[in-house]
PDB file of N, CA and C in Angstrom:
ATOM      1  N   MET A   1      18.518 -11.295  -7.507  1.00  0.00           N
ATOM      2  CA  MET A   1      17.517 -11.334  -6.485  1.00  0.00           C
ATOM      3  C   MET A   1      17.499  -9.883  -5.795  1.00  0.00           C
ATOM      4  N   LYS A   2      16.317  -9.322  -5.665  1.00  0.00           N
ATOM      5  CA  LYS A   2      16.196  -8.009  -5.016  1.00  0.00           C
ATOM      6  C   LYS A   2      16.456  -8.163  -3.530  1.00  0.00           C
ATOM      7  N   ASN A   3      17.021  -7.144  -2.979  1.00  0.00           N
ATOM      8  CA  ASN A   3      17.228  -7.054  -1.544  1.00  0.00           C
ATOM      9  C   ASN A   3      16.268  -6.003  -1.048  1.00  0.00           C
ATOM     10  N   ASN A   4      14.982  -6.376  -0.835  1.00  0.00           N
ATOM     11  CA  ASN A   4      13.933  -5.418  -0.372  1.00  0.00           C
ATOM     12  C   ASN A   4      13.493  -5.718   1.009  1.00  0.00           C
ATOM     13  N   ASN A   5      14.324  -6.405   1.816  1.00  0.00           N
ATOM     14  CA  ASN A   5      13.977  -6.755   3.154  1.00  0.00           C
ATOM     15  C   ASN A   5      14.134  -5.488   3.985  1.00  0.00           C
ATOM     16  N   LEU A   6      13.136  -5.144   4.849  1.00  0.00           N
ATOM     17  CA  LEU A   6      13.231  -3.947   5.669  1.00  0.00           C
ATOM     18  C   LEU A   6      14.282  -4.057   6.705  1.00  0.00           C
ATOM     19  N   ASP A   7      14.761  -5.290   7.060  1.00  0.00           N
ATOM     20  CA  ASP A   7      15.834  -5.448   8.047  1.00  0.00           C
ATOM     21  C   ASP A   7      17.128  -4.882   7.528  1.00  0.00           C
ATOM     22  N   TYR A   8      17.343  -4.699   6.272  1.00  0.00           N
ATOM     23  CA  TYR A   8      18.555  -4.230   5.705  1.00  0.00           C
ATOM     24  C   TYR A   8      18.622  -2.700   5.572  1.00  0.00           C
ATOM     25  N   LEU A   9      17.499  -2.005   5.890  1.00  0.00           N
ATOM     26  CA  LEU A   9      17.463  -0.572   5.802  1.00  0.00           C
ATOM     27  C   LEU A   9      18.237  -0.037   6.984  1.00  0.00           C
ATOM     28  N   SER A  10      18.858   1.119   6.744  1.00  0.00           N
ATOM     29  CA  SER A  10      19.504   1.857   7.833  1.00  0.00           C
ATOM     30  C   SER A  10      18.408   2.379   8.726  1.00  0.00           C
ATOM     31  N   ILE A  11      18.789   2.751   9.979  1.00  0.00           N
ATOM     32  CA  ILE A  11      17.756   3.345  10.909  1.00  0.00           C
ATOM     33  C   ILE A  11      17.099   4.532  10.333  1.00  0.00           C
ATOM     34  N   GLU A  12      17.841   5.405   9.645  1.00  0.00           N
ATOM     35  CA  GLU A  12      17.342   6.619   9.067  1.00  0.00           C
ATOM     36  C   GLU A  12      16.308   6.248   7.934  1.00  0.00           C
ATOM     37  N   ASN A  13      16.703   5.292   7.049  1.00  0.00           N
ATOM     38  CA  ASN A  13      15.821   4.877   5.987  1.00  0.00           C
ATOM     39  C   ASN A  13      14.551   4.251   6.531  1.00  0.00           C
ATOM     40  N   ARG A  14      14.733   3.451   7.509  1.00  0.00           N
ATOM     41  CA  ARG A  14      13.503   2.729   8.130  1.00  0.00           C
ATOM     42  C   ARG A  14      12.541   3.779   8.730  1.00  0.00           C
ATOM     43  N   GLU A  15      13.112   4.783   9.373  1.00  0.00           N
ATOM     44  CA  GLU A  15      12.296   5.864   9.911  1.00  0.00           C
ATOM     45  C   GLU A  15      11.557   6.577   8.752  1.00  0.00           C
ATOM     46  N   ASN A  16      12.284   6.876   7.648  1.00  0.00           N
ATOM     47  CA  ASN A  16      11.621   7.496   6.521  1.00  0.00           C
ATOM     48  C   ASN A  16      10.561   6.612   5.895  1.00  0.00           C
ATOM     49  N   TYR A  17      10.814   5.349   5.876  1.00  0.00           N
ATOM     50  CA  TYR A  17       9.852   4.391   5.318  1.00  0.00           C
ATOM     51  C   TYR A  17       8.591   4.439   6.158  1.00  0.00           C
ATOM     52  N   ASP A  18       8.785   4.386   7.522  1.00  0.00           N
ATOM     53  CA  ASP A  18       7.649   4.364   8.407  1.00  0.00           C
ATOM     54  C   ASP A  18       6.841   5.723   8.325  1.00  0.00           C
ATOM     55  N   ARG A  19       7.545   6.786   8.155  1.00  0.00           N
ATOM     56  CA  ARG A  19       6.870   8.144   7.977  1.00  0.00           C
ATOM     57  C   ARG A  19       6.117   8.161   6.688  1.00  0.00           C
ATOM     58  N   LEU A  20       6.658   7.727   5.623  1.00  0.00           N
ATOM     59  CA  LEU A  20       6.013   7.682   4.345  1.00  0.00           C
ATOM     60  C   LEU A  20       4.758   6.848   4.384  1.00  0.00           C
ATOM     61  N   LEU A  21       4.832   5.634   4.945  1.00  0.00           N
ATOM     62  CA  LEU A  21       3.608   4.768   5.057  1.00  0.00           C
ATOM     63  C   LEU A  21       2.568   5.428   5.912  1.00  0.00           C
ATOM     64  N   LYS A  22       2.937   6.014   7.003  1.00  0.00           N
ATOM     65  CA  LYS A  22       2.002   6.672   7.909  1.00  0.00           C
ATOM     66  C   LYS A  22       1.362   7.896   7.157  1.00  0.00           C
ATOM     67  N   PHE A  23       2.068   8.669   6.386  1.00  0.00           N
ATOM     68  CA  PHE A  23       1.584   9.775   5.610  1.00  0.00           C
ATOM     69  C   PHE A  23       0.552   9.310   4.659  1.00  0.00           C
ATOM     70  N   LEU A  24       0.905   8.229   3.907  1.00  0.00           N
ATOM     71  CA  LEU A  24      -0.071   7.732   2.854  1.00  0.00           C
ATOM     72  C   LEU A  24      -1.278   7.132   3.473  1.00  0.00           C
ATOM     73  N   MET A  25      -1.190   6.460   4.590  1.00  0.00           N
ATOM     74  CA  MET A  25      -2.334   5.910   5.302  1.00  0.00           C
ATOM     75  C   MET A  25      -3.292   7.075   5.783  1.00  0.00           C
ATOM     76  N   ASN A  26      -2.702   8.131   6.330  1.00  0.00           N
ATOM     77  CA  ASN A  26      -3.457   9.227   6.782  1.00  0.00           C
ATOM     78  C   ASN A  26      -4.126   9.969   5.682  1.00  0.00           C
ATOM     79  N   LYS A  27      -3.394  10.162   4.613  1.00  0.00           N
ATOM     80  CA  LYS A  27      -3.891  10.823   3.394  1.00  0.00           C
ATOM     81  C   LYS A  27      -5.143  10.066   2.887  1.00  0.00           C
ATOM     82  N   ALA A  28      -4.990   8.737   2.748  1.00  0.00           N
ATOM     83  CA  ALA A  28      -6.089   7.909   2.195  1.00  0.00           C
ATOM     84  C   ALA A  28      -7.257   7.992   3.126  1.00  0.00           C
ATOM     85  N   MET A  29      -7.075   7.750   4.410  1.00  0.00           N
ATOM     86  CA  MET A  29      -8.241   7.549   5.324  1.00  0.00           C
ATOM     87  C   MET A  29      -8.823   8.847   5.742  1.00  0.00           C
ATOM     88  N   PHE A  30      -8.007   9.887   6.037  1.00  0.00           N
ATOM     89  CA  PHE A  30      -8.649  11.087   6.653  1.00  0.00           C
ATOM     90  C   PHE A  30      -8.863  12.188   5.533  1.00  0.00           C
ATOM     91  N   ASP A  31      -7.997  12.309   4.575  1.00  0.00           N
ATOM     92  CA  ASP A  31      -8.183  13.339   3.549  1.00  0.00           C
ATOM     93  C   ASP A  31      -9.120  12.867   2.439  1.00  0.00           C
ATOM     94  N   TYR A  32      -9.025  11.568   2.028  1.00  0.00           N
ATOM     95  CA  TYR A  32      -9.772  11.079   0.881  1.00  0.00           C
ATOM     96  C   TYR A  32     -10.894  10.086   1.293  1.00  0.00           C
ATOM     97  N   HIS A  33     -10.991   9.753   2.564  1.00  0.00           N
ATOM     98  CA  HIS A  33     -12.022   8.841   3.050  1.00  0.00           C
ATOM     99  C   HIS A  33     -12.026   7.520   2.328  1.00  0.00           C
ATOM    100  N   ILE A  34     -10.825   6.983   2.198  1.00  0.00           N
ATOM    101  CA  ILE A  34     -10.646   5.650   1.604  1.00  0.00           C
ATOM    102  C   ILE A  34     -10.259   4.687   2.709  1.00  0.00           C
ATOM    103  N   GLY A  35     -10.997   3.602   2.839  1.00  0.00           N
ATOM    104  CA  GLY A  35     -10.595   2.606   3.772  1.00  0.00           C
ATOM    105  C   GLY A  35      -9.396   1.775   3.270  1.00  0.00           C
ATOM    106  N   VAL A  36      -8.488   1.567   4.176  1.00  0.00           N
ATOM    107  CA  VAL A  36      -7.275   0.805   3.889  1.00  0.00           C
ATOM    108  C   VAL A  36      -7.178  -0.428   4.835  1.00  0.00           C
ATOM    109  N   GLU A  37      -7.029  -1.580   4.301  1.00  0.00           N
ATOM    110  CA  GLU A  37      -6.900  -2.799   5.143  1.00  0.00           C
ATOM    111  C   GLU A  37      -5.682  -3.543   4.594  1.00  0.00           C
ATOM    112  N   PHE A  38      -4.830  -3.864   5.602  1.00  0.00           N
ATOM    113  CA  PHE A  38      -3.611  -4.710   5.330  1.00  0.00           C
ATOM    114  C   PHE A  38      -4.105  -6.120   5.745  1.00  0.00           C
ATOM    115  N   THR A  39      -3.851  -7.148   4.871  1.00  0.00           N
ATOM    116  CA  THR A  39      -4.209  -8.546   5.296  1.00  0.00           C
ATOM    117  C   THR A  39      -3.033  -9.443   4.993  1.00  0.00           C
ATOM    118  N   ASN A  40      -2.945 -10.495   5.853  1.00  0.00           N
ATOM    119  CA  ASN A  40      -1.935 -11.570   5.669  1.00  0.00           C
ATOM    120  C   ASN A  40      -2.577 -12.803   5.161  1.00  0.00           C
ATOM    121  N   GLN A  41      -3.839 -12.695   4.669  1.00  0.00           N
ATOM    122  CA  GLN A  41      -4.610 -13.835   4.206  1.00  0.00           C
ATOM    123  C   GLN A  41      -4.446 -14.097   2.732  1.00  0.00           C
ATOM    124  N   LEU A  42      -3.648 -13.312   2.048  1.00  0.00           N
ATOM    125  CA  LEU A  42      -3.451 -13.418   0.549  1.00  0.00           C
ATOM    126  C   LEU A  42      -2.167 -14.176   0.318  1.00  0.00           C
ATOM    127  N   PRO A  43      -2.037 -14.816  -0.820  1.00  0.00           N
ATOM    128  CA  PRO A  43      -0.745 -15.434  -1.272  1.00  0.00           C
ATOM    129  C   PRO A  43       0.329 -14.319  -1.391  1.00  0.00           C
ATOM    130  N   PRO A  44       1.582 -14.611  -1.165  1.00  0.00           N
ATOM    131  CA  PRO A  44       2.625 -13.622  -1.202  1.00  0.00           C
ATOM    132  C   PRO A  44       2.662 -12.767  -2.462  1.00  0.00           C
ATOM    133  N   PHE A  45       2.352 -13.205  -3.616  1.00  0.00           N
ATOM    134  CA  PHE A  45       2.516 -12.388  -4.809  1.00  0.00           C
ATOM    135  C   PHE A  45       1.139 -11.830  -5.272  1.00  0.00           C
ATOM    136  N   ALA A  46       0.111 -11.872  -4.414  1.00  0.00           N
ATOM    137  CA  ALA A  46      -1.168 -11.301  -4.799  1.00  0.00           C
ATOM    138  C   ALA A  46      -1.026  -9.801  -4.707  1.00  0.00           C
ATOM    139  N   PRO A  47      -1.287  -9.000  -5.774  1.00  0.00           N
ATOM    140  CA  PRO A  47      -1.146  -7.584  -5.722  1.00  0.00           C
ATOM    141  C   PRO A  47      -2.277  -6.953  -4.973  1.00  0.00           C
ATOM    142  N   PRO A  48      -2.081  -5.666  -4.550  1.00  0.00           N
ATOM    143  CA  PRO A  48      -3.127  -4.961  -3.858  1.00  0.00           C
ATOM    144  C   PRO A  48      -4.287  -4.728  -4.861  1.00  0.00           C
ATOM    145  N   VAL A  49      -5.432  -4.438  -4.277  1.00  0.00           N
ATOM    146  CA  VAL A  49      -6.628  -4.194  -5.146  1.00  0.00           C
ATOM    147  C   VAL A  49      -7.419  -3.053  -4.444  1.00  0.00           C
ATOM    148  N   CYS A  50      -8.157  -2.301  -5.269  1.00  0.00           N
ATOM    149  CA  CYS A  50      -8.969  -1.222  -4.753  1.00  0.00           C
ATOM    150  C   CYS A  50     -10.343  -1.279  -5.334  1.00  0.00           C
ATOM    151  N   TYR A  51     -11.334  -0.699  -4.626  1.00  0.00           N
ATOM    152  CA  TYR A  51     -12.729  -0.675  -5.030  1.00  0.00           C
ATOM    153  C   TYR A  51     -13.269   0.727  -4.786  1.00  0.00           C
ATOM    154  N   ASN A  52     -14.204   1.126  -5.698  1.00  0.00           N
ATOM    155  CA  ASN A  52     -14.937   2.357  -5.537  1.00  0.00           C
ATOM    156  C   ASN A  52     -16.425   2.174  -5.209  1.00  0.00           C
ATOM    157  N   ASP A  53     -16.835   0.949  -5.372  1.00  0.00           N
ATOM    158  CA  ASP A  53     -18.280   0.683  -5.167  1.00  0.00           C
ATOM    159  C   ASP A  53     -18.389  -0.636  -4.443  1.00  0.00           C
ATOM    160  N   PRO A  54     -19.086  -0.765  -3.329  1.00  0.00           N
ATOM    161  CA  PRO A  54     -20.008   0.170  -2.782  1.00  0.00           C
ATOM    162  C   PRO A  54     -19.352   1.311  -1.996  1.00  0.00           C
ATOM    163  N   GLY A  55     -18.122   1.139  -1.535  1.00  0.00           N
ATOM    164  CA  GLY A  55     -17.374   2.220  -0.876  1.00  0.00           C
ATOM    165  C   GLY A  55     -15.916   2.248  -1.359  1.00  0.00           C
ATOM    166  N   LYS A  56     -15.224   3.330  -0.984  1.00  0.00           N
ATOM    167  CA  LYS A  56     -13.833   3.397  -1.429  1.00  0.00           C
ATOM    168  C   LYS A  56     -12.944   2.568  -0.409  1.00  0.00           C
ATOM    169  N   CYS A  57     -12.251   1.614  -1.004  1.00  0.00           N
ATOM    170  CA  CYS A  57     -11.502   0.631  -0.180  1.00  0.00           C
ATOM    171  C   CYS A  57     -10.274   0.169  -0.911  1.00  0.00           C
ATOM    172  N   ILE A  58      -9.155   0.021  -0.152  1.00  0.00           N
ATOM    173  CA  ILE A  58      -7.928  -0.604  -0.733  1.00  0.00           C
ATOM    174  C   ILE A  58      -7.521  -1.761   0.178  1.00  0.00           C
ATOM    175  N   ILE A  59      -7.262  -2.850  -0.449  1.00  0.00           N
ATOM    176  CA  ILE A  59      -6.822  -4.047   0.262  1.00  0.00           C
ATOM    177  C   ILE A  59      -5.317  -4.215  -0.059  1.00  0.00           C
ATOM    178  N   MET A  60      -4.440  -4.219   0.896  1.00  0.00           N
ATOM    179  CA  MET A  60      -3.075  -4.339   0.752  1.00  0.00           C
ATOM    180  C   MET A  60      -2.588  -5.654   1.240  1.00  0.00           C
ATOM    181  N   ASN A  61      -1.586  -6.239   0.607  1.00  0.00           N
ATOM    182  CA  ASN A  61      -1.093  -7.568   0.958  1.00  0.00           C
ATOM    183  C   ASN A  61       0.122  -7.423   1.846  1.00  0.00           C
ATOM    184  N   SER A  62       0.005  -7.737   3.119  1.00  0.00           N
ATOM    185  CA  SER A  62       1.083  -7.564   4.113  1.00  0.00           C
ATOM    186  C   SER A  62       2.168  -8.646   3.921  1.00  0.00           C
ATOM    187  N   ARG A  63       1.804  -9.686   3.055  1.00  0.00           N
ATOM    188  CA  ARG A  63       2.792 -10.763   2.842  1.00  0.00           C
ATOM    189  C   ARG A  63       3.614 -10.525   1.568  1.00  0.00           C
ATOM    190  N   TRP A  64       3.436  -9.366   0.934  1.00  0.00           N
ATOM    191  CA  TRP A  64       4.145  -9.031  -0.321  1.00  0.00           C
ATOM    192  C   TRP A  64       5.628  -9.257  -0.064  1.00  0.00           C
ATOM    193  N   PRO A  65       6.348 -10.061  -0.945  1.00  0.00           N
ATOM    194  CA  PRO A  65       7.745 -10.422  -0.618  1.00  0.00           C
ATOM    195  C   PRO A  65       8.733  -9.268  -0.721  1.00  0.00           C
ATOM    196  N   TYR A  66       8.357  -8.120  -1.331  1.00  0.00           N
ATOM    197  CA  TYR A  66       9.256  -6.969  -1.453  1.00  0.00           C
ATOM    198  C   TYR A  66       8.675  -5.802  -0.593  1.00  0.00           C
ATOM    199  N   PRO A  67       8.796  -5.781   0.649  1.00  0.00           N
ATOM    200  CA  PRO A  67       8.154  -4.824   1.465  1.00  0.00           C
ATOM    201  C   PRO A  67       8.484  -3.349   1.197  1.00  0.00           C
ATOM    202  N   THR A  68       9.685  -3.123   0.612  1.00  0.00           N
ATOM    203  CA  THR A  68      10.035  -1.691   0.313  1.00  0.00           C
ATOM    204  C   THR A  68       9.162  -1.178  -0.844  1.00  0.00           C
ATOM    205  N   GLU A  69       8.378  -2.015  -1.563  1.00  0.00           N
ATOM    206  CA  GLU A  69       7.545  -1.542  -2.621  1.00  0.00           C
ATOM    207  C   GLU A  69       6.157  -1.179  -2.084  1.00  0.00           C
ATOM    208  N   ILE A  70       5.845  -1.492  -0.843  1.00  0.00           N
ATOM    209  CA  ILE A  70       4.483  -1.329  -0.334  1.00  0.00           C
ATOM    210  C   ILE A  70       4.050   0.133  -0.321  1.00  0.00           C
ATOM    211  N   PRO A  71       4.857   1.108   0.058  1.00  0.00           N
ATOM    212  CA  PRO A  71       4.418   2.457  -0.029  1.00  0.00           C
ATOM    213  C   PRO A  71       4.067   2.881  -1.440  1.00  0.00           C
ATOM    214  N   PHE A  72       4.884   2.509  -2.431  1.00  0.00           N
ATOM    215  CA  PHE A  72       4.560   2.799  -3.819  1.00  0.00           C
ATOM    216  C   PHE A  72       3.210   2.202  -4.184  1.00  0.00           C
ATOM    217  N   GLN A  73       3.014   0.960  -3.876  1.00  0.00           N
ATOM    218  CA  GLN A  73       1.803   0.252  -4.165  1.00  0.00           C
ATOM    219  C   GLN A  73       0.567   0.980  -3.526  1.00  0.00           C
ATOM    220  N   LEU A  74       0.731   1.406  -2.294  1.00  0.00           N
ATOM    221  CA  LEU A  74      -0.416   2.106  -1.653  1.00  0.00           C
ATOM    222  C   LEU A  74      -0.692   3.436  -2.379  1.00  0.00           C
ATOM    223  N   ALA A  75       0.350   4.180  -2.733  1.00  0.00           N
ATOM    224  CA  ALA A  75       0.114   5.482  -3.420  1.00  0.00           C
ATOM    225  C   ALA A  75      -0.485   5.173  -4.802  1.00  0.00           C
ATOM    226  N   HIS A  76      -0.090   4.104  -5.434  1.00  0.00           N
ATOM    227  CA  HIS A  76      -0.660   3.715  -6.749  1.00  0.00           C
ATOM    228  C   HIS A  76      -2.156   3.428  -6.599  1.00  0.00           C
ATOM    229  N   GLU A  77      -2.513   2.685  -5.552  1.00  0.00           N
ATOM    230  CA  GLU A  77      -3.937   2.309  -5.372  1.00  0.00           C
ATOM    231  C   GLU A  77      -4.812   3.520  -4.992  1.00  0.00           C
ATOM    232  N   ILE A  78      -4.183   4.391  -4.261  1.00  0.00           N
ATOM    233  CA  ILE A  78      -4.907   5.696  -3.826  1.00  0.00           C
ATOM    234  C   ILE A  78      -5.212   6.412  -5.122  1.00  0.00           C
ATOM    235  N   ALA A  79      -4.285   6.492  -6.069  1.00  0.00           N
ATOM    236  CA  ALA A  79      -4.528   7.206  -7.330  1.00  0.00           C
ATOM    237  C   ALA A  79      -5.636   6.496  -8.115  1.00  0.00           C
ATOM    238  N   HIS A  80      -5.681   5.137  -8.108  1.00  0.00           N
ATOM    239  CA  HIS A  80      -6.757   4.437  -8.770  1.00  0.00           C
ATOM    240  C   HIS A  80      -8.140   4.861  -8.202  1.00  0.00           C
ATOM    241  N   VAL A  81      -8.222   4.850  -6.880  1.00  0.00           N
ATOM    242  CA  VAL A  81      -9.470   5.226  -6.286  1.00  0.00           C
ATOM    243  C   VAL A  81      -9.832   6.654  -6.587  1.00  0.00           C
ATOM    244  N   LEU A  82      -8.929   7.567  -6.508  1.00  0.00           N
ATOM    245  CA  LEU A  82      -9.211   8.955  -6.742  1.00  0.00           C
ATOM    246  C   LEU A  82      -9.676   9.221  -8.176  1.00  0.00           C
ATOM    247  N   HIS A  83      -9.087   8.475  -9.126  1.00  0.00           N
ATOM    248  CA  HIS A  83      -9.432   8.680 -10.513  1.00  0.00           C
ATOM    249  C   HIS A  83     -10.314   7.572 -11.032  1.00  0.00           C
ATOM    250  N   GLU A  84     -10.867   6.735 -10.098  1.00  0.00           N
ATOM    251  CA  GLU A  84     -11.829   5.743 -10.442  1.00  0.00           C
ATOM    252  C   GLU A  84     -11.308   4.830 -11.599  1.00  0.00           C
ATOM    253  N   GLY A  85     -10.042   4.504 -11.621  1.00  0.00           N
ATOM    254  CA  GLY A  85      -9.510   3.659 -12.730  1.00  0.00           C
ATOM    255  C   GLY A  85      -9.508   2.181 -12.236  1.00  0.00           C
ATOM    256  N   ALA A  86      -9.308   1.324 -13.168  1.00  0.00           N
ATOM    257  CA  ALA A  86      -9.255  -0.063 -12.940  1.00  0.00           C
ATOM    258  C   ALA A  86      -7.877  -0.414 -12.269  1.00  0.00           C
ATOM    259  N   THR A  87      -7.828  -1.485 -11.454  1.00  0.00           N
ATOM    260  CA  THR A  87      -6.629  -1.851 -10.798  1.00  0.00           C
ATOM    261  C   THR A  87      -5.794  -2.826 -11.584  1.00  0.00           C
ATOM    262  N   LEU A  88      -6.359  -3.366 -12.656  1.00  0.00           N
ATOM    263  CA  LEU A  88      -5.638  -4.289 -13.534  1.00  0.00           C
ATOM    264  C   LEU A  88      -5.031  -3.576 -14.734  1.00  0.00           C
ATOM    265  N   LEU A  89      -3.860  -4.053 -15.131  1.00  0.00           N
ATOM    266  CA  LEU A  89      -3.146  -3.398 -16.321  1.00  0.00           C
ATOM    267  C   LEU A  89      -3.645  -4.078 -17.545  1.00  0.00           C
TER     268      LEU A  89
END
């Protein structure tokens, strides 16, 4: 079982996590004009999704059971929007 609970991060690692997430959010919204929404209305294992039409948007699952993966997921979705790729493998 993975130990990806944010409660187990050291203070320094938690601060780095928060800085990374803030950096990615700012990059998406202000540099690339991509809307980002975190929602708790999805099932826990629903992956994030992005859209390019009618506007650039990323929907992130705040109930994802492995929160340390969320910054990677956000960066991944930003790349999909920027390169207009599909979000499904």
